[in-house]
Every structure is written in C-alpha cells, then in structure tokens.
Amino acid sequence: MKREVIGAHYGWRGWLNQRITAVIMLFYTLFFLAVLVSLPAIDYPHWRALWDLSIMRYATIIFVLAVLLHAWVGVRNIFMDYIKDTGVRLILYVLVIVALVIYGAWAVQILWG
C-alpha cells in the first residue's frame, strides 16, 4: 500500500526547535536568578549597572530570540492543526510574524536604547 504524505514535514524540526529554545530559556532563567541572588541590593544603581554589562544584554537578546522562535513554532502548529482555511491561516501567520518582529525590535530598543 502506498502511503500518502500530508503536510510540510515540520514535525521533527518544530519539535527540535521547541526543545532547544526551551533549554535556552531554562538556562537564561537560572542564570538570571543566580545574578539576582548575587546582587548586593536590588535598587536602581545596581539594576542599571547590571544592564550596562554586555553579557546581560547579549544573554537577554538570545533569550528573547528563543522566546520568539518558541512562540512562532507553537502558534504555527496550533494554526496548522485548527485553522483549516488556507487564506485565513496565511493572514494569521502574517499577523503573528509582524507581531513577533515588532516584539523583537522592541526588546532590542529596550536593551540598547
């Protein structure tokens, strides 16, 4: 019997993306908590000094990118499973991509603005 292939074969790649981005987010969260615990005080001067460190900014940007990719894969999979109309699904894809790009740009602006 011949098997019919349906879909765009996103399963393995999406699964792997979700796991990798989840691990990145976990490591950042643990790193951030360790940094917070090591601060002598959580006041404005210490907080400002923390965010002046390049390592914090770069680590946070990597975290934000991981969150955005994680969100995209999850939302894309939900749309593929539940939105059957291709036109509606395409419009929703575009709206989500635009929102995620705006969120990413906003995060860069906050960190380096």
PDB file of N, CA and C in Angstrom:
ATOM      1  N   MET A   1       0.846  -1.173   0.000  1.00  0.00           N
ATOM      2  CA  MET A   1       0.000   0.000   0.000  1.00  0.00           C
ATOM      3  C   MET A   1       0.898   1.245   0.000  1.00  0.00           C
ATOM      4  N   LYS A   2       0.545   2.208  -0.811  1.00  0.00           N
ATOM      5  CA  LYS A   2       1.313   3.452  -0.912  1.00  0.00           C
ATOM      6  C   LYS A   2       0.825   4.441   0.158  1.00  0.00           C
ATOM      7  N   ARG A   3       1.781   5.029   0.884  1.00  0.00           N
ATOM      8  CA  ARG A   3       1.436   5.997   1.922  1.00  0.00           C
ATOM      9  C   ARG A   3       1.355   7.381   1.319  1.00  0.00           C
ATOM     10  N   GLU A   4       0.344   8.124   1.710  1.00  0.00           N
ATOM     11  CA  GLU A   4       0.180   9.496   1.260  1.00  0.00           C
ATOM     12  C   GLU A   4       0.813  10.432   2.283  1.00  0.00           C
ATOM     13  N   VAL A   5       1.677  11.313   1.812  1.00  0.00           N
ATOM     14  CA  VAL A   5       2.350  12.262   2.694  1.00  0.00           C
ATOM     15  C   VAL A   5       1.532  13.546   2.724  1.00  0.00           C
ATOM     16  N   ILE A   6       1.177  13.960   3.926  1.00  0.00           N
ATOM     17  CA  ILE A   6       0.371  15.173   4.094  1.00  0.00           C
ATOM     18  C   ILE A   6       1.151  16.137   4.975  1.00  0.00           C
ATOM     19  N   GLY A   7       1.116  17.411   4.629  1.00  0.00           N
ATOM     20  CA  GLY A   7       1.778  18.420   5.439  1.00  0.00           C
ATOM     21  C   GLY A   7       3.125  18.809   4.860  1.00  0.00           C
ATOM     22  N   ALA A   8       3.799  19.652   5.583  1.00  0.00           N
ATOM     23  CA  ALA A   8       5.057  20.212   5.095  1.00  0.00           C
ATOM     24  C   ALA A   8       6.259  19.638   5.843  1.00  0.00           C
ATOM     25  N   HIS A   9       6.097  18.549   6.575  1.00  0.00           N
ATOM     26  CA  HIS A   9       7.193  17.885   7.289  1.00  0.00           C
ATOM     27  C   HIS A   9       7.851  18.787   8.329  1.00  0.00           C
ATOM     28  N   TYR A  10       7.069  19.579   9.025  1.00  0.00           N
ATOM     29  CA  TYR A  10       7.605  20.456  10.060  1.00  0.00           C
ATOM     30  C   TYR A  10       7.753  19.736  11.395  1.00  0.00           C
ATOM     31  N   GLY A  11       7.256  18.540  11.507  1.00  0.00           N
ATOM     32  CA  GLY A  11       7.186  17.857  12.787  1.00  0.00           C
ATOM     33  C   GLY A  11       8.502  17.749  13.519  1.00  0.00           C
ATOM     34  N   TRP A  12       9.516  17.128  12.918  1.00  0.00           N
ATOM     35  CA  TRP A  12      10.798  16.915  13.581  1.00  0.00           C
ATOM     36  C   TRP A  12      11.492  18.234  13.859  1.00  0.00           C
ATOM     37  N   ARG A  13      11.534  19.105  12.862  1.00  0.00           N
ATOM     38  CA  ARG A  13      12.208  20.395  13.025  1.00  0.00           C
ATOM     39  C   ARG A  13      11.509  21.245  14.093  1.00  0.00           C
ATOM     40  N   GLY A  14      10.191  21.278  14.062  1.00  0.00           N
ATOM     41  CA  GLY A  14       9.447  22.037  15.060  1.00  0.00           C
ATOM     42  C   GLY A  14       9.651  21.483  16.458  1.00  0.00           C
ATOM     43  N   TRP A  15       9.635  20.151  16.567  1.00  0.00           N
ATOM     44  CA  TRP A  15       9.855  19.501  17.859  1.00  0.00           C
ATOM     45  C   TRP A  15      11.235  19.858  18.401  1.00  0.00           C
ATOM     46  N   LEU A  16      12.254  19.774  17.538  1.00  0.00           N
ATOM     47  CA  LEU A  16      13.619  20.089  17.953  1.00  0.00           C
ATOM     48  C   LEU A  16      13.765  21.567  18.312  1.00  0.00           C
ATOM     49  N   ASN A  17      13.167  22.457  17.528  1.00  0.00           N
ATOM     50  CA  ASN A  17      13.202  23.892  17.843  1.00  0.00           C
ATOM     51  C   ASN A  17      12.581  24.170  19.206  1.00  0.00           C
ATOM     52  N   GLN A  18      11.453  23.535  19.495  1.00  0.00           N
ATOM     53  CA  GLN A  18      10.798  23.747  20.779  1.00  0.00           C
ATOM     54  C   GLN A  18      11.693  23.308  21.932  1.00  0.00           C
ATOM     55  N   ARG A  19      12.356  22.171  21.776  1.00  0.00           N
ATOM     56  CA  ARG A  19      13.207  21.663  22.852  1.00  0.00           C
ATOM     57  C   ARG A  19      14.447  22.522  23.047  1.00  0.00           C
ATOM     58  N   ILE A  20      15.093  22.911  21.952  1.00  0.00           N
ATOM     59  CA  ILE A  20      16.306  23.734  22.052  1.00  0.00           C
ATOM     60  C   ILE A  20      15.985  25.099  22.662  1.00  0.00           C
ATOM     61  N   THR A  21      14.910  25.730  22.180  1.00  0.00           N
ATOM     62  CA  THR A  21      14.565  27.047  22.722  1.00  0.00           C
ATOM     63  C   THR A  21      14.139  26.936  24.185  1.00  0.00           C
ATOM     64  N   ALA A  22      13.479  25.841  24.557  1.00  0.00           N
ATOM     65  CA  ALA A  22      13.105  25.654  25.969  1.00  0.00           C
ATOM     66  C   ALA A  22      14.347  25.523  26.844  1.00  0.00           C
ATOM     67  N   VAL A  23      15.359  24.816  26.365  1.00  0.00           N
ATOM     68  CA  VAL A  23      16.609  24.668  27.138  1.00  0.00           C
ATOM     69  C   VAL A  23      17.308  26.026  27.267  1.00  0.00           C
ATOM     70  N   ILE A  24      17.344  26.792  26.182  1.00  0.00           N
ATOM     71  CA  ILE A  24      17.946  28.131  26.237  1.00  0.00           C
ATOM     72  C   ILE A  24      17.216  28.993  27.265  1.00  0.00           C
ATOM     73  N   MET A  25      15.898  28.961  27.245  1.00  0.00           N
ATOM     74  CA  MET A  25      15.123  29.755  28.195  1.00  0.00           C
ATOM     75  C   MET A  25      15.352  29.295  29.628  1.00  0.00           C
ATOM     76  N   LEU A  26      15.479  27.994  29.833  1.00  0.00           N
ATOM     77  CA  LEU A  26      15.760  27.468  31.172  1.00  0.00           C
ATOM     78  C   LEU A  26      17.119  27.950  31.670  1.00  0.00           C
ATOM     79  N   PHE A  27      18.154  27.827  30.828  1.00  0.00           N
ATOM     80  CA  PHE A  27      19.492  28.265  31.235  1.00  0.00           C
ATOM     81  C   PHE A  27      19.517  29.763  31.529  1.00  0.00           C
ATOM     82  N   TYR A  28      18.848  30.565  30.699  1.00  0.00           N
ATOM     83  CA  TYR A  28      18.812  32.004  30.949  1.00  0.00           C
ATOM     84  C   TYR A  28      18.104  32.294  32.275  1.00  0.00           C
ATOM     85  N   THR A  29      17.008  31.615  32.520  1.00  0.00           N
ATOM     86  CA  THR A  29      16.266  31.839  33.763  1.00  0.00           C
ATOM     87  C   THR A  29      17.127  31.511  34.976  1.00  0.00           C
ATOM     88  N   LEU A  30      17.819  30.389  34.921  1.00  0.00           N
ATOM     89  CA  LEU A  30      18.708  30.021  36.031  1.00  0.00           C
ATOM     90  C   LEU A  30      19.855  31.025  36.177  1.00  0.00           C
ATOM     91  N   PHE A  31      20.425  31.443  35.047  1.00  0.00           N
ATOM     92  CA  PHE A  31      21.493  32.450  35.043  1.00  0.00           C
ATOM     93  C   PHE A  31      20.993  33.754  35.653  1.00  0.00           C
ATOM     94  N   PHE A  32      19.821  34.195  35.223  1.00  0.00           N
ATOM     95  CA  PHE A  32      19.263  35.452  35.702  1.00  0.00           C
ATOM     96  C   PHE A  32      18.956  35.379  37.199  1.00  0.00           C
ATOM     97  N   LEU A  33      18.410  34.271  37.649  1.00  0.00           N
ATOM     98  CA  LEU A  33      18.144  34.120  39.084  1.00  0.00           C
ATOM     99  C   LEU A  33      19.437  34.128  39.894  1.00  0.00           C
ATOM    100  N   ALA A  34      20.474  33.475  39.378  1.00  0.00           N
ATOM    101  CA  ALA A  34      21.772  33.478  40.065  1.00  0.00           C
ATOM    102  C   ALA A  34      22.337  34.894  40.141  1.00  0.00           C
ATOM    103  N   VAL A  35      22.187  35.649  39.069  1.00  0.00           N
ATOM    104  CA  VAL A  35      22.669  37.035  39.061  1.00  0.00           C
ATOM    105  C   VAL A  35      21.883  37.867  40.063  1.00  0.00           C
ATOM    106  N   LEU A  36      20.566  37.695  40.094  1.00  0.00           N
ATOM    107  CA  LEU A  36      19.749  38.456  41.043  1.00  0.00           C
ATOM    108  C   LEU A  36      20.128  38.144  42.488  1.00  0.00           C
ATOM    109  N   VAL A  37      20.363  36.881  42.773  1.00  0.00           N
ATOM    110  CA  VAL A  37      20.741  36.489  44.144  1.00  0.00           C
ATOM    111  C   VAL A  37      22.098  37.076  44.509  1.00  0.00           C
ATOM    112  N   SER A  38      22.986  37.206  43.527  1.00  0.00           N
ATOM    113  CA  SER A  38      24.331  37.706  43.820  1.00  0.00           C
ATOM    114  C   SER A  38      24.404  39.226  43.948  1.00  0.00           C
ATOM    115  N   LEU A  39      23.350  39.925  43.544  1.00  0.00           N
ATOM    116  CA  LEU A  39      23.368  41.388  43.684  1.00  0.00           C
ATOM    117  C   LEU A  39      23.330  41.768  45.166  1.00  0.00           C
ATOM    118  N   PRO A  40      24.126  42.763  45.546  1.00  0.00           N
ATOM    119  CA  PRO A  40      24.100  43.184  46.952  1.00  0.00           C
ATOM    120  C   PRO A  40      22.760  43.802  47.341  1.00  0.00           C
ATOM    121  N   ALA A  41      22.145  44.478  46.395  1.00  0.00           N
ATOM    122  CA  ALA A  41      20.826  45.076  46.633  1.00  0.00           C
ATOM    123  C   ALA A  41      20.138  45.215  45.279  1.00  0.00           C
ATOM    124  N   ILE A  42      18.828  45.125  45.300  1.00  0.00           N
ATOM    125  CA  ILE A  42      18.086  45.331  44.058  1.00  0.00           C
ATOM    126  C   ILE A  42      17.515  46.743  44.103  1.00  0.00           C
ATOM    127  N   ASP A  43      18.377  47.683  43.814  1.00  0.00           N
ATOM    128  CA  ASP A  43      17.975  49.074  43.732  1.00  0.00           C
ATOM    129  C   ASP A  43      18.389  49.591  42.355  1.00  0.00           C
ATOM    130  N   TYR A  44      18.023  50.825  42.066  1.00  0.00           N
ATOM    131  CA  TYR A  44      18.264  51.349  40.725  1.00  0.00           C
ATOM    132  C   TYR A  44      19.738  51.344  40.325  1.00  0.00           C
ATOM    133  N   PRO A  45      20.670  51.802  41.149  1.00  0.00           N
ATOM    134  CA  PRO A  45      22.072  51.804  40.712  1.00  0.00           C
ATOM    135  C   PRO A  45      22.601  50.395  40.385  1.00  0.00           C
ATOM    136  N   HIS A  46      22.254  49.415  41.200  1.00  0.00           N
ATOM    137  CA  HIS A  46      22.709  48.056  40.925  1.00  0.00           C
ATOM    138  C   HIS A  46      22.021  47.476  39.691  1.00  0.00           C
ATOM    139  N   TRP A  47      20.735  47.768  39.574  1.00  0.00           N
ATOM    140  CA  TRP A  47      19.983  47.292  38.407  1.00  0.00           C
ATOM    141  C   TRP A  47      20.548  47.898  37.129  1.00  0.00           C
ATOM    142  N   ARG A  48      20.826  49.184  37.151  1.00  0.00           N
ATOM    143  CA  ARG A  48      21.398  49.878  35.984  1.00  0.00           C
ATOM    144  C   ARG A  48      22.786  49.313  35.655  1.00  0.00           C
ATOM    145  N   ALA A  49      23.598  49.087  36.676  1.00  0.00           N
ATOM    146  CA  ALA A  49      24.934  48.525  36.460  1.00  0.00           C
ATOM    147  C   ALA A  49      24.843  47.121  35.865  1.00  0.00           C
ATOM    148  N   LEU A  50      23.855  46.357  36.306  1.00  0.00           N
ATOM    149  CA  LEU A  50      23.661  45.015  35.758  1.00  0.00           C
ATOM    150  C   LEU A  50      23.375  45.069  34.263  1.00  0.00           C
ATOM    151  N   TRP A  51      22.506  45.968  33.844  1.00  0.00           N
ATOM    152  CA  TRP A  51      22.118  46.040  32.432  1.00  0.00           C
ATOM    153  C   TRP A  51      23.130  46.789  31.583  1.00  0.00           C
ATOM    154  N   ASP A  52      24.111  47.416  32.220  1.00  0.00           N
ATOM    155  CA  ASP A  52      25.213  48.006  31.460  1.00  0.00           C
ATOM    156  C   ASP A  52      26.233  46.946  31.033  1.00  0.00           C
ATOM    157  N   LEU A  53      26.159  45.775  31.633  1.00  0.00           N
ATOM    158  CA  LEU A  53      27.071  44.684  31.261  1.00  0.00           C
ATOM    159  C   LEU A  53      26.644  44.069  29.930  1.00  0.00           C
ATOM    160  N   SER A  54      27.601  43.943  29.028  1.00  0.00           N
ATOM    161  CA  SER A  54      27.297  43.369  27.712  1.00  0.00           C
ATOM    162  C   SER A  54      26.777  41.945  27.815  1.00  0.00           C
ATOM    163  N   ILE A  55      27.301  41.171  28.752  1.00  0.00           N
ATOM    164  CA  ILE A  55      26.882  39.776  28.889  1.00  0.00           C
ATOM    165  C   ILE A  55      25.388  39.677  29.187  1.00  0.00           C
ATOM    166  N   MET A  56      24.869  40.592  30.001  1.00  0.00           N
ATOM    167  CA  MET A  56      23.440  40.571  30.323  1.00  0.00           C
ATOM    168  C   MET A  56      22.610  40.930  29.099  1.00  0.00           C
ATOM    169  N   ARG A  57      23.065  41.924  28.370  1.00  0.00           N
ATOM    170  CA  ARG A  57      22.311  42.328  27.171  1.00  0.00           C
ATOM    171  C   ARG A  57      22.310  41.228  26.124  1.00  0.00           C
ATOM    172  N   TYR A  58      23.477  40.644  25.864  1.00  0.00           N
ATOM    173  CA  TYR A  58      23.538  39.585  24.845  1.00  0.00           C
ATOM    174  C   TYR A  58      22.782  38.339  25.286  1.00  0.00           C
ATOM    175  N   ALA A  59      22.913  37.976  26.544  1.00  0.00           N
ATOM    176  CA  ALA A  59      22.180  36.813  27.053  1.00  0.00           C
ATOM    177  C   ALA A  59      20.674  37.048  26.964  1.00  0.00           C
ATOM    178  N   THR A  60      20.253  38.263  27.256  1.00  0.00           N
ATOM    179  CA  THR A  60      18.831  38.583  27.191  1.00  0.00           C
ATOM    180  C   THR A  60      18.335  38.581  25.752  1.00  0.00           C
ATOM    181  N   ILE A  61      19.139  39.073  24.821  1.00  0.00           N
ATOM    182  CA  ILE A  61      18.733  39.043  23.409  1.00  0.00           C
ATOM    183  C   ILE A  61      18.612  37.597  22.929  1.00  0.00           C
ATOM    184  N   ILE A  62      19.542  36.747  23.322  1.00  0.00           N
ATOM    185  CA  ILE A  62      19.438  35.330  22.950  1.00  0.00           C
ATOM    186  C   ILE A  62      18.172  34.734  23.550  1.00  0.00           C
ATOM    187  N   PHE A  63      17.876  35.082  24.792  1.00  0.00           N
ATOM    188  CA  PHE A  63      16.649  34.617  25.438  1.00  0.00           C
ATOM    189  C   PHE A  63      15.417  35.104  24.682  1.00  0.00           C
ATOM    190  N   VAL A  64      15.390  36.380  24.327  1.00  0.00           N
ATOM    191  CA  VAL A  64      14.241  36.939  23.606  1.00  0.00           C
ATOM    192  C   VAL A  64      14.069  36.239  22.254  1.00  0.00           C
ATOM    193  N   LEU A  65      15.164  36.020  21.534  1.00  0.00           N
ATOM    194  CA  LEU A  65      15.077  35.313  20.253  1.00  0.00           C
ATOM    195  C   LEU A  65      14.550  33.893  20.453  1.00  0.00           C
ATOM    196  N   ALA A  66      14.990  33.227  21.516  1.00  0.00           N
ATOM    197  CA  ALA A  66      14.493  31.887  21.806  1.00  0.00           C
ATOM    198  C   ALA A  66      12.994  31.914  22.107  1.00  0.00           C
ATOM    199  N   VAL A  67      12.550  32.896  22.875  1.00  0.00           N
ATOM    200  CA  VAL A  67      11.127  33.031  23.187  1.00  0.00           C
ATOM    201  C   VAL A  67      10.325  33.271  21.904  1.00  0.00           C
ATOM    202  N   LEU A  68      10.828  34.156  21.045  1.00  0.00           N
ATOM    203  CA  LEU A  68      10.111  34.463  19.805  1.00  0.00           C
ATOM    204  C   LEU A  68      10.024  33.239  18.899  1.00  0.00           C
ATOM    205  N   LEU A  69      11.122  32.496  18.759  1.00  0.00           N
ATOM    206  CA  LEU A  69      11.091  31.292  17.935  1.00  0.00           C
ATOM    207  C   LEU A  69      10.184  30.236  18.557  1.00  0.00           C
ATOM    208  N   HIS A  70      10.259  30.082  19.869  1.00  0.00           N
ATOM    209  CA  HIS A  70       9.409  29.132  20.584  1.00  0.00           C
ATOM    210  C   HIS A  70       7.931  29.479  20.357  1.00  0.00           C
ATOM    211  N   ALA A  71       7.614  30.751  20.476  1.00  0.00           N
ATOM    212  CA  ALA A  71       6.234  31.204  20.264  1.00  0.00           C
ATOM    213  C   ALA A  71       5.799  30.951  18.824  1.00  0.00           C
ATOM    214  N   TRP A  72       6.673  31.267  17.857  1.00  0.00           N
ATOM    215  CA  TRP A  72       6.318  31.072  16.456  1.00  0.00           C
ATOM    216  C   TRP A  72       6.011  29.608  16.161  1.00  0.00           C
ATOM    217  N   VAL A  73       6.869  28.710  16.599  1.00  0.00           N
ATOM    218  CA  VAL A  73       6.654  27.284  16.326  1.00  0.00           C
ATOM    219  C   VAL A  73       5.351  26.812  16.971  1.00  0.00           C
ATOM    220  N   GLY A  74       5.113  27.215  18.194  1.00  0.00           N
ATOM    221  CA  GLY A  74       3.889  26.811  18.881  1.00  0.00           C
ATOM    222  C   GLY A  74       2.637  27.341  18.212  1.00  0.00           C
ATOM    223  N   VAL A  75       2.629  28.623  17.894  1.00  0.00           N
ATOM    224  CA  VAL A  75       1.453  29.232  17.266  1.00  0.00           C
ATOM    225  C   VAL A  75       1.259  28.662  15.862  1.00  0.00           C
ATOM    226  N   ARG A  76       2.347  28.486  15.123  1.00  0.00           N
ATOM    227  CA  ARG A  76       2.241  27.901  13.774  1.00  0.00           C
ATOM    228  C   ARG A  76       1.613  26.517  13.832  1.00  0.00           C
ATOM    229  N   ASN A  77       2.039  25.707  14.799  1.00  0.00           N
ATOM    230  CA  ASN A  77       1.474  24.367  14.925  1.00  0.00           C
ATOM    231  C   ASN A  77      -0.001  24.407  15.302  1.00  0.00           C
ATOM    232  N   ILE A  78      -0.374  25.318  16.175  1.00  0.00           N
ATOM    233  CA  ILE A  78      -1.787  25.466  16.534  1.00  0.00           C
ATOM    234  C   ILE A  78      -2.596  25.854  15.302  1.00  0.00           C
ATOM    235  N   PHE A  79      -2.093  26.818  14.527  1.00  0.00           N
ATOM    236  CA  PHE A  79      -2.802  27.234  13.320  1.00  0.00           C
ATOM    237  C   PHE A  79      -2.918  26.089  12.317  1.00  0.00           C
ATOM    238  N   MET A  80      -1.823  25.330  12.139  1.00  0.00           N
ATOM    239  CA  MET A  80      -1.867  24.210  11.183  1.00  0.00           C
ATOM    240  C   MET A  80      -2.891  23.164  11.621  1.00  0.00           C
ATOM    241  N   ASP A  81      -3.020  22.963  12.933  1.00  0.00           N
ATOM    242  CA  ASP A  81      -3.946  21.946  13.426  1.00  0.00           C
ATOM    243  C   ASP A  81      -5.401  22.396  13.399  1.00  0.00           C
ATOM    244  N   TYR A  82      -5.655  23.688  13.671  1.00  0.00           N
ATOM    245  CA  TYR A  82      -7.034  24.102  13.917  1.00  0.00           C
ATOM    246  C   TYR A  82      -7.609  25.076  12.896  1.00  0.00           C
ATOM    247  N   ILE A  83      -6.793  25.729  12.102  1.00  0.00           N
ATOM    248  CA  ILE A  83      -7.300  26.662  11.090  1.00  0.00           C
ATOM    249  C   ILE A  83      -7.209  25.965   9.739  1.00  0.00           C
ATOM    250  N   LYS A  84      -8.334  25.494   9.243  1.00  0.00           N
ATOM    251  CA  LYS A  84      -8.322  24.698   8.016  1.00  0.00           C
ATOM    252  C   LYS A  84      -8.304  25.548   6.757  1.00  0.00           C
ATOM    253  N   ASP A  85      -8.886  26.737   6.803  1.00  0.00           N
ATOM    254  CA  ASP A  85      -8.905  27.611   5.631  1.00  0.00           C
ATOM    255  C   ASP A  85      -7.509  28.198   5.401  1.00  0.00           C
ATOM    256  N   THR A  86      -6.936  27.924   4.229  1.00  0.00           N
ATOM    257  CA  THR A  86      -5.561  28.350   3.935  1.00  0.00           C
ATOM    258  C   THR A  86      -5.411  29.865   3.940  1.00  0.00           C
ATOM    259  N   GLY A  87      -6.376  30.582   3.408  1.00  0.00           N
ATOM    260  CA  GLY A  87      -6.304  32.044   3.372  1.00  0.00           C
ATOM    261  C   GLY A  87      -6.302  32.654   4.759  1.00  0.00           C
ATOM    262  N   VAL A  88      -7.188  32.173   5.605  1.00  0.00           N
ATOM    263  CA  VAL A  88      -7.249  32.668   6.987  1.00  0.00           C
ATOM    264  C   VAL A  88      -5.956  32.341   7.712  1.00  0.00           C
ATOM    265  N   ARG A  89      -5.468  31.109   7.501  1.00  0.00           N
ATOM    266  CA  ARG A  89      -4.223  30.698   8.152  1.00  0.00           C
ATOM    267  C   ARG A  89      -3.063  31.587   7.709  1.00  0.00           C
ATOM    268  N   LEU A  90      -2.985  31.917   6.428  1.00  0.00           N
ATOM    269  CA  LEU A  90      -1.919  32.789   5.923  1.00  0.00           C
ATOM    270  C   LEU A  90      -1.997  34.177   6.551  1.00  0.00           C
ATOM    271  N   ILE A  91      -3.193  34.717   6.645  1.00  0.00           N
ATOM    272  CA  ILE A  91      -3.367  36.038   7.270  1.00  0.00           C
ATOM    273  C   ILE A  91      -2.911  35.989   8.732  1.00  0.00           C
ATOM    274  N   LEU A  92      -3.301  34.937   9.435  1.00  0.00           N
ATOM    275  CA  LEU A  92      -2.884  34.804  10.839  1.00  0.00           C
ATOM    276  C   LEU A  92      -1.374  34.640  10.958  1.00  0.00           C
ATOM    277  N   TYR A  93      -0.769  33.872  10.037  1.00  0.00           N
ATOM    278  CA  TYR A  93       0.692  33.736  10.036  1.00  0.00           C
ATOM    279  C   TYR A  93       1.353  35.106   9.903  1.00  0.00           C
ATOM    280  N   VAL A  94       0.890  35.882   8.946  1.00  0.00           N
ATOM    281  CA  VAL A  94       1.491  37.199   8.706  1.00  0.00           C
ATOM    282  C   VAL A  94       1.325  38.090   9.932  1.00  0.00           C
ATOM    283  N   LEU A  95       0.143  38.085  10.532  1.00  0.00           N
ATOM    284  CA  LEU A  95      -0.090  38.910  11.726  1.00  0.00           C
ATOM    285  C   LEU A  95       0.827  38.502  12.878  1.00  0.00           C
ATOM    286  N   VAL A  96       0.986  37.205  13.088  1.00  0.00           N
ATOM    287  CA  VAL A  96       1.850  36.733  14.166  1.00  0.00           C
ATOM    288  C   VAL A  96       3.304  37.077  13.882  1.00  0.00           C
ATOM    289  N   ILE A  97       3.743  36.890  12.639  1.00  0.00           N
ATOM    290  CA  ILE A  97       5.132  37.221  12.288  1.00  0.00           C
ATOM    291  C   ILE A  97       5.400  38.704  12.494  1.00  0.00           C
ATOM    292  N   VAL A  98       4.476  39.553  12.057  1.00  0.00           N
ATOM    293  CA  VAL A  98       4.645  41.001  12.246  1.00  0.00           C
ATOM    294  C   VAL A  98       4.721  41.328  13.738  1.00  0.00           C
ATOM    295  N   ALA A  99       3.840  40.742  14.530  1.00  0.00           N
ATOM    296  CA  ALA A  99       3.850  40.996  15.975  1.00  0.00           C
ATOM    297  C   ALA A  99       5.172  40.543  16.588  1.00  0.00           C
ATOM    298  N   LEU A 100       5.665  39.356  16.217  1.00  0.00           N
ATOM    299  CA  LEU A 100       6.912  38.852  16.787  1.00  0.00           C
ATOM    300  C   LEU A 100       8.107  39.710  16.385  1.00  0.00           C
ATOM    301  N   VAL A 101       8.120  40.194  15.151  1.00  0.00           N
ATOM    302  CA  VAL A 101       9.206  41.086  14.714  1.00  0.00           C
ATOM    303  C   VAL A 101       9.162  42.389  15.506  1.00  0.00           C
ATOM    304  N   ILE A 102       7.971  42.916  15.710  1.00  0.00           N
ATOM    305  CA  ILE A 102       7.831  44.152  16.499  1.00  0.00           C
ATOM    306  C   ILE A 102       8.310  43.913  17.935  1.00  0.00           C
ATOM    307  N   TYR A 103       7.925  42.787  18.522  1.00  0.00           N
ATOM    308  CA  TYR A 103       8.368  42.477  19.883  1.00  0.00           C
ATOM    309  C   TYR A 103       9.889  42.350  19.955  1.00  0.00           C
ATOM    310  N   GLY A 104      10.481  41.714  18.958  1.00  0.00           N
ATOM    311  CA  GLY A 104      11.937  41.575  18.923  1.00  0.00           C
ATOM    312  C   GLY A 104      12.626  42.926  18.804  1.00  0.00           C
ATOM    313  N   ALA A 105      12.112  43.773  17.916  1.00  0.00           N
ATOM    314  CA  ALA A 105      12.686  45.114  17.750  1.00  0.00           C
ATOM    315  C   ALA A 105      12.524  45.924  19.035  1.00  0.00           C
ATOM    316  N   TRP A 106      11.398  45.784  19.671  1.00  0.00           N
ATOM    317  CA  TRP A 106      11.146  46.496  20.926  1.00  0.00           C
ATOM    318  C   TRP A 106      12.132  46.045  22.006  1.00  0.00           C
ATOM    319  N   ALA A 107      12.396  44.749  22.075  1.00  0.00           N
ATOM    320  CA  ALA A 107      13.363  44.238  23.056  1.00  0.00           C
ATOM    321  C   ALA A 107      14.758  44.808  22.795  1.00  0.00           C
ATOM    322  N   VAL A 108      15.162  44.872  21.531  1.00  0.00           N
ATOM    323  CA  VAL A 108      16.463  45.460  21.201  1.00  0.00           C
ATOM    324  C   VAL A 108      16.482  46.929  21.592  1.00  0.00           C
ATOM    325  N   GLN A 109      15.410  47.635  21.323  1.00  0.00           N
ATOM    326  CA  GLN A 109      15.326  49.056  21.690  1.00  0.00           C
ATOM    327  C   GLN A 109      15.430  49.235  23.206  1.00  0.00           C
ATOM    328  N   ILE A 110      14.786  48.382  23.966  1.00  0.00           N
ATOM    329  CA  ILE A 110      14.837  48.476  25.427  1.00  0.00           C
ATOM    330  C   ILE A 110      16.256  48.213  25.928  1.00  0.00           C
ATOM    331  N   LEU A 111      16.915  47.192  25.362  1.00  0.00           N
ATOM    332  CA  LEU A 111      18.232  46.819  25.851  1.00  0.00           C
ATOM    333  C   LEU A 111      19.335  47.769  25.403  1.00  0.00           C
ATOM    334  N   TRP A 112      19.208  48.330  24.207  1.00  0.00           N
ATOM    335  CA  TRP A 112      20.264  49.191  23.687  1.00  0.00           C
ATOM    336  C   TRP A 112      19.800  50.622  23.430  1.00  0.00           C
ATOM    337  N   GLY A 113      18.571  50.948  23.823  1.00  0.00           N
ATOM    338  CA  GLY A 113      18.034  52.271  23.566  1.00  0.00           C
ATOM    339  C   GLY A 113      18.458  53.296  24.574  1.00  0.00           C
TER     340      GLY A 113
END
